[in-house]
Amino acid sequence: MAHKDTFRIVTRASDGNLQIRDFPNADPILHMHSQIGIDDCSTDLGLRGMPVFRGLVGPIPEGKNVVRYESPEVFESLTKEWGAEKKKRRTRLRTAAPTPAK
């Protein structure tokens, strides 16, 4: 289980670009947002016990040592973009079964 040592907050700036801020621990985030609980059900065991903040979506794993939190607007828009991406479909060519000779 990797130790998460970077806390990342992703929000949208007034010009529409993503604004990313990294912190070495959760303390600065606690000054900006109220902690409303801790994560106790993540499938990423490194996130269990991480704080859950009012007004942010997360914790979300990002790489081996980054815990990501997003504003609800960023979470919704990035999820829509991710879902709209066309997946490259692998098609398997099927060969016709040989027909018996008559």
Protein backbone atom coordinates (compact mmCIF):
# COMPACT_ATOMS: atom_id res chain seq x y z
CA MET A 1 0.00 0.00 0.00
CA ALA A 2 1.61 3.25 -1.16
CA HIS A 3 1.77 6.21 1.21
CA LYS A 4 -0.08 9.21 -0.22
CA ASP A 5 2.03 12.31 0.41
CA THR A 6 0.57 14.88 -2.00
CA PHE A 7 -2.92 16.35 -1.68
CA ARG A 8 -4.17 17.86 -4.96
CA ILE A 9 -7.19 20.13 -5.37
CA VAL A 10 -8.55 20.68 -8.89
CA THR A 11 -10.99 23.52 -9.50
CA ARG A 12 -12.02 25.65 -12.46
CA ALA A 13 -10.53 29.16 -12.75
CA SER A 14 -12.68 32.13 -13.80
CA ASP A 15 -11.31 31.87 -17.36
CA GLY A 16 -12.50 28.23 -17.60
CA ASN A 17 -9.09 26.56 -17.30
CA LEU A 18 -8.35 23.92 -14.70
CA GLN A 19 -6.59 25.22 -11.61
CA ILE A 20 -4.46 22.62 -9.81
CA ARG A 21 -2.96 23.18 -6.37
CA ASP A 22 -0.78 20.64 -4.55
CA PHE A 23 -0.23 20.49 -0.80
CA PRO A 24 2.17 18.32 1.25
CA ASN A 25 -0.61 17.42 3.73
CA ALA A 26 -4.30 18.02 4.41
CA ASP A 27 -3.83 20.88 6.90
CA PRO A 28 -4.12 23.77 4.38
CA ILE A 29 -7.26 22.16 2.95
CA LEU A 30 -8.76 21.98 6.45
CA HIS A 31 -8.48 25.79 6.62
CA MET A 32 -10.46 26.16 3.37
CA HIS A 33 -13.03 23.33 3.73
CA SER A 34 -14.78 21.59 6.60
CA GLN A 35 -13.97 17.93 7.09
CA ILE A 36 -17.21 15.94 7.15
CA GLY A 37 -15.82 12.44 7.52
CA ILE A 38 -13.16 9.98 6.46
CA ASP A 39 -13.07 7.57 3.57
CA ASP A 40 -13.74 4.06 4.77
CA CYS A 41 -14.83 2.22 1.64
CA SER A 42 -12.37 3.01 -1.15
CA THR A 43 -11.08 0.09 -3.16
CA ASP A 44 -7.70 1.85 -3.13
CA LEU A 45 -6.53 0.94 0.37
CA GLY A 46 -4.17 3.92 0.39
CA LEU A 47 -7.22 6.22 0.46
CA ARG A 48 -8.89 4.62 3.45
CA GLY A 49 -8.79 7.01 6.38
CA MET A 50 -8.28 10.04 4.14
CA PRO A 51 -10.48 13.05 4.95
CA VAL A 52 -13.72 13.82 3.10
CA PHE A 53 -14.35 17.57 2.71
CA ARG A 54 -17.59 19.50 2.30
CA GLY A 55 -17.73 21.01 -1.20
CA LEU A 56 -15.14 18.69 -2.75
CA VAL A 57 -15.44 15.32 -4.46
CA GLY A 58 -12.84 12.88 -3.24
CA PRO A 59 -10.56 11.41 -2.22
CA ILE A 60 -9.69 10.10 -5.67
CA PRO A 61 -6.46 8.17 -6.36
CA GLU A 62 -4.09 9.76 -8.86
CA GLY A 63 -0.86 7.89 -9.35
CA LYS A 64 0.95 6.18 -6.51
CA ASN A 65 1.26 9.01 -4.02
CA VAL A 66 -1.36 11.66 -4.92
CA VAL A 67 -4.79 12.10 -3.33
CA ARG A 68 -7.02 14.18 -5.59
CA TYR A 69 -10.03 16.29 -4.64
CA GLU A 70 -12.17 18.06 -7.25
CA SER A 71 -14.86 20.70 -7.17
CA PRO A 72 -18.24 19.21 -8.10
CA GLU A 73 -18.26 21.18 -11.39
CA VAL A 74 -14.83 19.85 -12.39
CA PHE A 75 -15.81 16.31 -11.41
CA GLU A 76 -18.96 16.48 -13.52
CA SER A 77 -17.29 17.99 -16.60
CA LEU A 78 -14.28 15.63 -16.54
CA THR A 79 -16.58 12.64 -16.06
CA LYS A 80 -18.67 13.71 -19.05
CA GLU A 81 -15.52 14.15 -21.17
CA TRP A 82 -14.23 10.75 -20.09
CA GLY A 83 -17.55 9.10 -20.90
CA ALA A 84 -17.80 10.79 -24.30
CA GLU A 85 -14.39 9.60 -25.48
CA LYS A 86 -14.77 7.04 -28.21
CA LYS A 87 -13.28 3.79 -27.12
CA LYS A 88 -11.25 2.00 -29.72
CA ARG A 89 -13.21 -1.14 -30.32
CA ARG A 90 -11.43 -4.31 -31.13
CA THR A 91 -13.32 -6.25 -33.70
CA ARG A 92 -12.66 -9.82 -34.38
CA LEU A 93 -13.04 -10.92 -37.93
CA ARG A 94 -15.15 -13.97 -38.16
CA THR A 95 -14.49 -16.37 -40.93
CA ALA A 96 -17.41 -18.10 -42.48
CA ALA A 97 -17.71 -21.76 -41.70
CA PRO A 98 -16.88 -23.85 -44.74
CA THR A 99 -19.96 -25.00 -46.54
CA PRO A 100 -20.12 -28.68 -47.27
CA ALA A 101 -19.64 -29.62 -50.93
CA LYS A 102 -22.70 -30.96 -52.70
